[in-house]
Protein backbone atom coordinates (compact mmCIF):
# COMPACT_ATOMS: atom_id res chain seq x y z
CA UNK A 1 -0.21 -0.01 0.25
CA UNK A 2 1.73 3.12 -0.95
CA UNK A 3 1.83 6.29 1.79
CA UNK A 4 -0.54 8.46 0.71
CA UNK A 5 -3.51 5.42 1.06
CA UNK A 6 -2.31 4.92 4.21
CA UNK A 7 -2.42 8.11 5.11
CA UNK A 8 -5.89 8.08 4.05
CA UNK A 9 -6.82 4.88 5.84
CA UNK A 10 -5.80 6.47 8.69
CA UNK A 11 -7.88 9.86 8.28
CA UNK A 12 -4.78 12.16 7.57
CA UNK A 13 -5.38 12.49 3.82
CA UNK A 14 -4.06 15.86 4.67
CA UNK A 15 -0.44 15.12 4.95
CA UNK A 16 -0.51 13.19 1.48
CA UNK A 17 -2.25 16.56 0.07
CA UNK A 18 0.72 18.59 1.43
CA UNK A 19 3.40 15.98 0.17
CA UNK A 20 1.84 16.54 -3.59
CA UNK A 21 2.34 19.95 -2.92
CA UNK A 22 5.93 19.91 -2.41
CA UNK A 23 9.07 19.26 -4.41
CA UNK A 24 12.45 18.93 -4.02
CA UNK A 25 14.43 18.89 -0.51
CA UNK A 26 11.06 20.21 1.26
CA UNK A 27 9.48 17.42 -0.28
CA UNK A 28 12.02 14.54 0.71
CA UNK A 29 11.91 16.14 4.30
CA UNK A 30 8.29 16.02 5.00
CA UNK A 31 8.17 12.49 3.70
CA UNK A 32 10.49 11.44 5.67
CA UNK A 33 8.70 13.10 9.16
CA UNK A 34 5.44 11.22 7.98
CA UNK A 35 7.55 7.61 7.26
CA UNK A 36 8.94 7.71 10.94
CA UNK A 37 5.51 8.13 12.47
CA UNK A 38 4.11 4.81 14.63
CA UNK A 39 0.80 5.74 12.36
CA UNK A 40 -1.06 3.00 13.63
CA UNK A 41 -0.36 4.40 17.05
CA UNK A 42 -1.41 7.86 16.43
CA UNK A 43 -4.57 6.51 14.69
CA UNK A 44 -5.14 4.48 17.89
CA UNK A 45 -4.59 7.66 20.14
CA UNK A 46 -7.09 9.78 18.22
CA UNK A 47 -9.74 7.17 17.98
CA UNK A 48 -9.48 6.98 21.78
CA UNK A 49 -9.46 11.29 22.12
CA UNK A 50 -12.31 11.42 19.76
CA UNK A 51 -14.39 8.64 22.43
CA UNK A 52 -13.58 10.24 24.99
CA UNK A 53 -10.77 7.88 26.58
CA UNK A 54 -7.39 7.68 26.96
CA UNK A 55 -5.45 7.56 29.54
CA UNK A 56 -7.18 9.52 32.56
CA UNK A 57 -9.64 6.42 32.90
CA UNK A 58 -9.05 5.52 36.10
CA UNK A 59 -9.87 2.63 38.41
CA UNK A 60 -9.94 2.92 42.36
CA UNK A 61 -8.54 5.80 44.14
CA UNK A 62 -7.32 4.22 47.82
CA UNK A 63 -4.69 5.57 49.96
CA UNK A 64 -1.18 3.89 49.60
CA UNK A 65 -0.45 1.31 51.58
CA UNK A 66 1.57 2.76 54.57
CA UNK A 67 4.50 -0.05 54.70
CA UNK A 68 5.91 1.64 51.38
CA UNK A 69 5.74 5.14 52.74
CA UNK A 70 8.72 6.37 54.34
CA UNK A 71 8.56 9.52 56.12
CA UNK A 72 11.01 12.50 57.50
CA UNK A 73 12.64 10.91 60.25
CA UNK A 74 10.60 11.91 63.58
CA UNK A 75 12.40 9.83 66.45
CA UNK A 76 15.68 7.55 67.23
CA UNK A 77 14.08 4.36 65.29
CA UNK A 78 14.00 6.31 62.26
CA UNK A 79 17.10 7.86 62.59
CA UNK A 80 18.81 4.58 62.39
CA UNK A 81 16.82 3.78 59.69
CA UNK A 82 17.93 6.29 58.05
CA UNK A 83 21.19 5.80 58.57
CA UNK A 84 21.55 2.41 57.70
CA UNK A 85 19.88 3.29 54.45
CA UNK A 86 22.61 6.11 54.01
CA UNK A 87 25.37 3.10 54.29
CA UNK A 88 23.49 1.22 51.77
CA UNK A 89 23.39 3.89 49.44
CA UNK A 90 27.08 4.94 49.75
CA UNK A 91 28.26 1.10 49.16
CA UNK A 92 26.03 1.07 45.93
CA UNK A 93 27.91 4.05 44.92
CA UNK A 94 30.81 3.55 45.76
CA UNK A 95 30.70 -0.13 43.75
CA UNK A 96 29.62 1.82 41.06
CA UNK A 97 26.21 0.35 40.64
CA UNK A 98 24.14 3.55 40.49
CA UNK A 99 23.97 5.59 37.36
CA UNK A 100 22.15 9.25 37.05
CA UNK A 101 19.60 10.23 34.91
CA UNK A 102 18.66 13.54 33.48
CA UNK A 103 15.93 14.26 31.97
CA UNK A 104 16.27 17.70 29.84
CA UNK A 105 13.71 17.18 26.88
CA UNK A 106 12.53 20.55 27.55
CA UNK A 107 13.00 24.39 25.97
CA UNK A 108 12.91 27.12 28.15
CA UNK A 109 9.61 29.11 26.18
CA UNK A 110 7.32 28.99 29.57
CA UNK A 111 10.62 30.96 30.36
CA UNK A 112 10.61 33.09 27.69
CA UNK A 113 14.22 32.16 26.73
CA UNK A 114 15.56 30.34 23.75
CA UNK A 115 17.03 27.06 23.82
CA UNK A 116 17.28 24.21 25.99
CA UNK A 117 15.91 24.61 29.46
CA UNK A 118 19.21 22.90 31.05
CA UNK A 119 21.20 26.13 29.34
CA UNK A 120 19.30 28.42 31.44
CA UNK A 121 21.42 30.58 33.37
CA UNK A 122 19.71 30.80 37.03
CA UNK A 123 22.41 31.46 38.95
CA UNK A 124 21.92 35.13 40.38
CA UNK A 125 25.57 36.04 41.12
CA UNK A 126 27.70 33.54 38.46
CA UNK A 127 24.35 32.85 35.88
CA UNK A 128 25.40 29.25 35.83
CA UNK A 129 23.35 27.36 33.93
CA UNK A 130 20.85 24.19 35.08
CA UNK A 131 23.25 21.94 33.10
CA UNK A 132 26.69 23.43 34.59
CA UNK A 133 24.76 23.42 38.24
CA UNK A 134 23.75 19.57 38.10
CA UNK A 135 27.26 18.67 36.26
CA UNK A 136 28.93 20.24 39.46
CA UNK A 137 27.33 17.46 41.38
CA UNK A 138 27.96 14.75 39.37
CA UNK A 139 31.62 15.95 39.57
CA UNK A 140 31.04 15.96 43.54
CA UNK A 141 30.05 12.84 43.78
CA UNK A 142 32.24 11.05 41.79
CA UNK A 143 34.77 12.16 44.05
CA UNK A 144 33.26 11.82 46.89
CA UNK A 145 32.76 8.24 46.63
CA UNK A 146 35.25 7.19 44.09
CA UNK A 147 33.07 6.11 41.37
CA UNK A 148 32.66 6.84 37.57
CA UNK A 149 28.93 7.58 38.27
CA UNK A 150 28.12 7.31 34.64
CA UNK A 151 25.60 10.67 33.81
CA UNK A 152 22.93 10.36 30.97
CA UNK A 153 20.98 12.72 29.45
CA UNK A 154 18.09 12.58 28.22
CA UNK A 155 17.11 15.20 25.29
CA UNK A 156 14.19 16.09 22.85
CA UNK A 157 14.60 16.20 18.90
CA UNK A 158 13.97 19.28 19.20
CA UNK A 159 16.84 20.57 21.34
CA UNK A 160 19.64 17.57 20.87
CA UNK A 161 21.86 19.70 18.63
CA UNK A 162 21.80 22.56 20.99
CA UNK A 163 22.34 20.56 23.87
CA UNK A 164 25.36 18.37 22.72
CA UNK A 165 26.46 21.77 21.31
CA UNK A 166 26.51 23.48 24.50
CA UNK A 167 28.33 20.62 26.40
CA UNK A 168 31.41 20.72 23.87
CA UNK A 169 32.04 24.02 24.55
CA UNK A 170 31.61 24.11 27.91
CA UNK A 171 34.45 21.60 27.60
CA UNK A 172 31.09 19.08 29.42
CA UNK A 173 31.50 21.04 32.39
CA UNK A 174 35.12 19.57 33.73
CA UNK A 175 33.42 15.29 32.86
CA UNK A 176 34.80 12.72 30.83
CA UNK A 177 33.16 13.36 27.84
CA UNK A 178 32.79 9.47 27.42
CA UNK A 179 31.30 9.39 31.05
CA UNK A 180 28.53 11.62 29.87
CA UNK A 181 25.82 10.33 26.77
CA UNK A 182 23.14 11.94 25.36
CA UNK A 183 19.82 9.81 24.46
CA UNK A 184 17.05 11.28 22.28
CA UNK A 185 13.76 10.74 23.26
CA UNK A 186 10.92 10.11 20.93
CA UNK A 187 8.31 12.50 19.40
CA UNK A 188 4.43 12.71 18.89
CA UNK A 189 2.59 14.97 16.61
CA UNK A 190 0.19 17.01 17.60
CA UNK A 191 -3.41 16.84 16.76
CA UNK A 192 -6.06 19.28 16.25
CA UNK A 193 -8.17 18.87 18.87
CA UNK A 194 -11.45 18.67 17.12
CA UNK A 195 -10.49 17.02 14.10
CA UNK A 196 -7.75 14.84 15.09
CA UNK A 197 -5.99 15.86 12.03
CA UNK A 198 -2.34 16.37 12.54
CA UNK A 199 -0.56 19.47 12.41
CA UNK A 200 1.96 21.13 10.07
CA UNK A 201 4.30 23.13 12.01
CA UNK A 202 5.60 24.19 8.20
CA UNK A 203 4.65 23.50 5.16
CA UNK A 204 7.11 20.72 4.64
CA UNK A 205 7.14 20.29 9.20
CA UNK A 206 5.13 17.75 10.87
CA UNK A 207 4.25 19.46 14.28
CA UNK A 208 5.85 17.45 16.68
CA UNK A 209 6.67 17.16 20.35
CA UNK A 210 8.69 15.00 22.92
CA UNK A 211 6.56 11.75 24.31
CA UNK A 212 7.27 12.73 27.67
CA UNK A 213 9.27 11.66 30.05
CA UNK A 214 7.63 8.12 29.94
CA UNK A 215 9.60 7.81 27.00
CA UNK A 216 12.88 7.77 28.81
CA UNK A 217 12.95 4.16 29.54
CA UNK A 218 12.29 3.69 25.61
CA UNK A 219 14.84 5.49 24.65
CA UNK A 220 17.23 3.99 26.49
CA UNK A 221 16.45 0.93 25.47
CA UNK A 222 16.52 2.01 21.84
CA UNK A 223 19.89 3.46 22.16
CA UNK A 224 21.52 0.58 23.85
CA UNK A 225 21.82 2.11 26.92
CA UNK A 226 20.13 0.38 28.96
CA UNK A 227 21.92 -3.02 27.78
CA UNK A 228 25.45 -0.81 28.42
CA UNK A 229 24.67 -0.46 31.80
CA UNK A 230 23.86 -3.74 32.63
CA UNK A 231 26.73 -4.89 31.33
CA UNK A 232 28.92 -2.61 33.50
CA UNK A 233 27.03 -3.87 36.61
CA UNK A 234 24.96 -1.12 37.49
CA UNK A 235 21.58 -1.92 39.25
CA UNK A 236 20.21 1.70 39.66
CA UNK A 237 19.37 4.83 38.02
CA UNK A 238 18.56 7.30 39.98
CA UNK A 239 16.20 9.77 37.77
CA UNK A 240 15.86 13.48 37.80
CA UNK A 241 14.57 17.05 36.25
CA UNK A 242 16.72 19.64 34.91
CA UNK A 243 14.66 22.51 36.06
CA UNK A 244 14.57 21.22 39.94
CA UNK A 245 18.11 23.07 40.92
CA UNK A 246 17.57 21.53 44.50
CA UNK A 247 17.51 18.37 43.57
CA UNK A 248 19.30 15.77 45.71
CA UNK A 249 20.98 13.58 43.25
CA UNK A 250 21.80 10.30 44.13
CA UNK A 251 20.99 11.16 46.95
CA UNK A 252 22.34 8.23 49.71
CA UNK A 253 19.50 7.80 52.17
CA UNK A 254 16.87 6.96 48.93
CA UNK A 255 19.24 4.49 47.10
CA UNK A 256 19.26 2.85 50.60
CA UNK A 257 15.89 2.36 51.06
CA UNK A 258 15.30 1.46 47.65
CA UNK A 259 17.92 -1.20 47.92
CA UNK A 260 17.35 -2.23 51.32
CA UNK A 261 13.64 -2.46 49.98
CA UNK A 262 14.82 -4.81 46.85
CA UNK A 263 12.18 -2.12 44.80
CA UNK A 264 11.58 -2.49 41.28
CA UNK A 265 11.06 1.23 41.29
CA UNK A 266 10.67 4.02 44.11
CA UNK A 267 9.68 7.55 44.44
CA UNK A 268 10.17 10.72 46.31
CA UNK A 269 7.89 12.92 47.50
CA UNK A 270 7.11 15.99 49.78
CA UNK A 271 4.20 16.95 51.53
CA UNK A 272 1.45 18.73 49.56
CA UNK A 273 1.07 22.34 51.13
CA UNK A 274 -2.28 22.10 50.43
CA UNK A 275 -5.49 20.12 48.71
CA UNK A 276 -5.68 22.30 45.80
CA UNK A 277 -2.01 21.97 44.76
CA UNK A 278 -0.93 20.78 41.96
CA UNK A 279 0.95 17.97 42.10
CA UNK A 280 0.45 14.05 41.24
CA UNK A 281 0.11 12.12 44.01
CA UNK A 282 1.49 8.69 45.62
CA UNK A 283 -1.63 6.50 46.24
CA UNK A 284 -2.85 2.83 45.00
CA UNK A 285 -4.75 2.78 41.98
CA UNK A 286 -6.84 -0.71 41.51
CA UNK A 287 -5.02 -2.00 43.92
CA UNK A 288 -1.17 -0.89 42.31
CA UNK A 289 1.05 1.49 43.62
CA UNK A 290 0.60 4.41 41.38
CA UNK A 291 0.58 8.28 40.78
CA UNK A 292 -2.48 10.71 40.71
CA UNK A 293 -2.39 13.82 38.25
CA UNK A 294 -3.80 16.47 40.50
CA UNK A 295 -6.36 16.92 38.58
CA UNK A 296 -7.66 13.44 38.25
CA UNK A 297 -7.94 13.07 41.90
CA UNK A 298 -11.60 13.71 42.86
CA UNK A 299 -11.83 17.00 44.93
CA UNK A 300 -13.68 14.76 48.38
CA UNK A 301 -10.42 12.77 47.94
CA UNK A 302 -8.16 16.10 47.53
CA UNK A 303 -9.53 17.28 50.84
CA UNK A 304 -9.41 14.22 52.93
CA UNK A 305 -7.90 14.27 55.87
CA UNK A 306 -6.84 11.44 58.98
CA UNK A 307 -8.17 12.13 62.12
CA UNK A 308 -4.46 13.70 63.07
CA UNK A 309 -5.91 16.49 60.73
CA UNK A 310 -2.99 15.47 57.60
CA UNK A 311 -3.89 15.15 54.48
CA UNK A 312 -4.46 11.57 53.18
CA UNK A 313 -2.98 11.75 49.94
CA UNK A 314 -0.47 13.95 51.43
CA UNK A 315 2.65 12.58 48.88
CA UNK A 316 3.36 15.18 46.26
CA UNK A 317 5.72 13.28 43.29
CA UNK A 318 8.38 15.42 42.55
CA UNK A 319 9.52 13.42 39.60
CA UNK A 320 12.52 11.91 40.95
CA UNK A 321 12.99 7.96 41.13
CA UNK A 322 15.26 4.87 41.71
CA UNK A 323 14.39 2.05 38.85
CA UNK A 324 16.16 -1.15 38.62
CA UNK A 325 17.90 -1.55 35.73
CA UNK A 326 16.67 -5.00 35.11
CA UNK A 327 13.08 -3.41 35.79
CA UNK A 328 13.21 -1.14 32.97
CA UNK A 329 14.56 -4.26 31.35
CA UNK A 330 11.45 -6.59 31.73
CA UNK A 331 9.17 -3.30 30.41
CA UNK A 332 11.05 -2.78 27.65
CA UNK A 333 11.68 -5.82 25.75
CA UNK A 334 7.83 -6.48 24.73
CA UNK A 335 7.50 -2.64 23.99
CA UNK A 336 6.75 -0.15 27.00
CA UNK A 337 2.60 0.12 27.05
CA UNK A 338 2.75 2.95 29.49
CA UNK A 339 -0.70 5.37 28.83
CA UNK A 340 -1.06 8.40 27.16
CA UNK A 341 -1.97 11.70 28.27
CA UNK A 342 -4.08 14.52 26.53
CA UNK A 343 -2.25 18.09 27.08
CA UNK A 344 -4.12 20.45 25.87
CA UNK A 345 -2.01 23.16 23.82
CA UNK A 346 -2.00 26.18 21.45
CA UNK A 347 0.00 24.99 18.74
CA UNK A 348 1.15 27.17 16.17
CA UNK A 349 0.35 25.34 12.50
CA UNK A 350 0.07 26.57 8.43
CA UNK A 351 -3.27 25.91 7.17
CA UNK A 352 -4.08 23.95 4.28
CA UNK A 353 -2.64 27.06 1.95
CA UNK A 354 0.30 26.83 4.18
CA UNK A 355 -0.59 30.03 5.45
CA UNK A 356 0.73 30.85 8.94
CA UNK A 357 -1.89 30.36 11.73
CA UNK A 358 -1.21 31.46 15.60
CA UNK A 359 -4.33 30.15 17.31
CA UNK A 360 -5.43 32.85 20.55
CA UNK A 361 -6.73 29.41 22.51
CA UNK A 362 -5.51 26.25 22.63
CA UNK A 363 -6.35 24.31 19.34
CA UNK A 364 -4.30 20.91 19.80
CA UNK A 365 -3.82 18.18 22.04
CA UNK A 366 -0.19 16.68 22.95
CA UNK A 367 -0.13 13.49 23.81
CA UNK A 368 2.66 12.66 26.27
CA UNK A 369 3.64 9.03 28.61
CA UNK A 370 5.17 9.74 32.22
CA UNK A 371 7.62 7.63 34.02
CA UNK A 372 5.90 7.29 37.04
CA UNK A 373 3.27 5.27 34.92
CA UNK A 374 5.45 2.32 35.17
CA UNK A 375 4.35 2.09 39.03
CA UNK A 376 2.17 -0.19 38.64
CA UNK A 377 4.07 -2.76 37.27
CA UNK A 378 6.13 -2.54 39.67
CA UNK A 379 6.41 -5.21 42.29
CA UNK A 380 8.01 -3.56 45.07
CA UNK A 381 7.68 0.10 45.65
CA UNK A 382 8.86 2.12 47.82
CA UNK A 383 7.95 6.23 48.68
CA UNK A 384 10.58 8.68 50.09
CA UNK A 385 9.67 11.76 51.65
CA UNK A 386 11.88 14.83 51.39
CA UNK A 387 12.36 17.78 53.14
CA UNK A 388 10.80 20.12 50.25
CA UNK A 389 13.08 23.28 51.44
CA UNK A 390 15.91 21.02 50.98
CA UNK A 391 14.98 19.12 47.65
CA UNK A 392 12.44 21.21 46.01
CA UNK A 393 11.70 23.94 44.06
CA UNK A 394 11.21 24.25 40.19
CA UNK A 395 11.45 26.28 37.53
CA UNK A 396 8.66 25.92 35.11
CA UNK A 397 7.43 29.83 35.03
CA UNK A 398 8.36 32.96 34.19
CA UNK A 399 6.98 34.81 36.95
CA UNK A 400 5.08 33.82 40.46
CA UNK A 401 5.44 29.89 41.82
CA UNK A 402 8.24 27.85 40.37
CA UNK A 403 9.86 30.40 39.11
CA UNK A 404 13.25 31.64 38.69
CA UNK A 405 12.76 34.09 41.71
CA UNK A 406 11.79 31.47 44.01
CA UNK A 407 14.13 28.35 42.98
CA UNK A 408 16.96 31.25 43.42
CA UNK A 409 15.01 32.22 47.05
CA UNK A 410 14.67 29.17 48.07
CA UNK A 411 18.28 27.81 47.23
CA UNK A 412 19.58 30.91 49.05
CA UNK A 413 17.63 30.32 52.34
CA UNK A 414 19.15 26.82 51.63
CA UNK A 415 22.67 28.03 51.62
CA UNK A 416 22.04 30.49 53.88
CA UNK A 417 20.42 27.37 56.60
CA UNK A 418 23.98 25.45 55.76
CA UNK A 419 25.91 28.54 56.71
CA UNK A 420 24.38 29.20 59.92
CA UNK A 421 24.89 25.72 61.46
CA UNK A 422 28.70 26.05 60.73
CA UNK A 423 28.67 29.00 62.59
CA UNK A 424 28.88 31.50 59.91
CA UNK A 425 26.60 34.69 59.97
CA UNK A 426 24.44 35.24 57.08
CA UNK A 427 22.97 38.88 56.19
CA UNK A 428 19.91 39.72 55.36
CA UNK A 429 18.85 42.57 52.10
CA UNK A 430 16.26 44.85 52.37
CA UNK A 431 13.33 42.51 51.25
CA UNK A 432 14.44 40.16 54.77
CA UNK A 433 15.71 37.96 52.80
CA UNK A 434 18.93 35.85 52.69
CA UNK A 435 21.61 38.18 50.49
CA UNK A 436 22.36 36.31 47.10
CA UNK A 437 24.68 32.75 47.57
CA UNK A 438 25.72 30.06 45.54
CA UNK A 439 27.76 27.24 46.79
CA UNK A 440 29.32 25.11 43.75
CA UNK A 441 28.64 21.62 44.44
CA UNK A 442 31.85 20.41 44.63
CA UNK A 443 32.28 22.28 47.64
CA UNK A 444 29.96 21.03 49.55
CA UNK A 445 27.03 18.74 48.44
CA UNK A 446 25.49 19.25 52.05
CA UNK A 447 25.29 21.31 54.93
CA UNK A 448 27.86 18.98 57.02
CA UNK A 449 30.48 18.77 53.89
CA UNK A 450 30.30 22.78 53.65
CA UNK A 451 30.87 22.80 57.57
CA UNK A 452 33.93 21.01 57.43
CA UNK A 453 35.22 23.12 54.42
CA UNK A 454 34.98 25.97 56.52
CA UNK A 455 37.33 28.17 57.39
CA UNK A 456 37.87 30.59 60.52
CA UNK A 457 37.90 33.69 58.36
CA UNK A 458 34.84 33.32 56.16
CA UNK A 459 32.81 36.34 56.71
CA UNK A 460 29.52 36.46 54.74
CA UNK A 461 29.10 40.48 53.76
CA UNK A 462 26.93 40.86 50.48
CA UNK A 463 26.28 38.77 47.86
CA UNK A 464 28.76 35.47 47.68
CA UNK A 465 29.93 32.24 45.54
CA UNK A 466 31.76 29.81 47.34
CA UNK A 467 33.28 28.25 44.80
CA UNK A 468 35.52 24.28 45.05
CA UNK A 469 38.60 24.55 47.47
CA UNK A 470 41.78 24.34 45.28
CA UNK A 471 43.37 20.94 45.68
């Protein structure tokens, strides 16, 4: 069957007509993009969209199993358990059993930034980028635990070239290039919300977008990275998001809890500030561990409180996970079948005559998969609470909540707490907040390490950058 016939059978005949209007390189480019489509998958997703079904059809929602939740330490028994987990996590790091995996396929569009989000200069004094900040954490972990700690960076077709160029220009941020591997995730086309027709970004280009962070596992399988990890004796992947500068990369306690519980996949959570906060929550869905998106959690459940007045569904996911390599291999061996979520977006495109259309309201559906949807397949899982003020302050919006301003504020507060604990006074600015501070992860990954590096003559009189110690 010809490509045109396959497109018409799939209800995408307008793409065959678009091809007929083009010649030369433009025709070849569009044809290559169309042939790369998983047309049966797109057809199924459009049919589900028209039928009103899809990934948001949830089963019975219940609170997470208490035995799988590890809250912040509150007593001596908790602290002893935390110490055992830390030892196990550190042993795993020293043994070379961990790979760090950064999800960085997004663009900085919502921040008003033209380029990969990882290149956003978030640091208040030096202007250091998110990529450079996370790379310094990788370098510090390698030094602390005398380990290779391979670093995998998930990019997208939209930002892979720019990301590779930035890493090369930065000299791979001081890391051995052979120890850093960029892996490109897959894409899916945006479709018109009313008709299900695949949109054209330009006359010779489909409107494609990354297939969501659930595409990580398939991309690792497709690239050979999973087999590479297994051959190197790597047991566990630590996955984290590029837009969270507070992320505690490969935190030993989390790794250790995951290891000691012999879990397939585990999650880090923070306590929701209120039922209205837009965070997915850890729950049981039809008896299996999973994450319920905030938009899918019925209001009566979101508001539900226990006898102590605490939210029943308090465990907000921050998209930080441990995933065992063997589990990922099993999931992807026969093709990964995660559910697809529908995101209503404004997508610029061209009409049938090739004229640009800039929608003033959401006009299209993008299909995404989420990594946390692999949780129900895990036979064993553990959820570990983190202190929000220590580990979570994402950069998602240009202004307001979850913006560069709030992330910088939260980092300043974190560093000020570290310095204060080390006996160093930190002045406040006119707004009552600590002055701008930057502590290079190669100087200190936590308060204890900073305390060990503080010299008697250290004074903070204004905005201050504490770089790596020499030697």
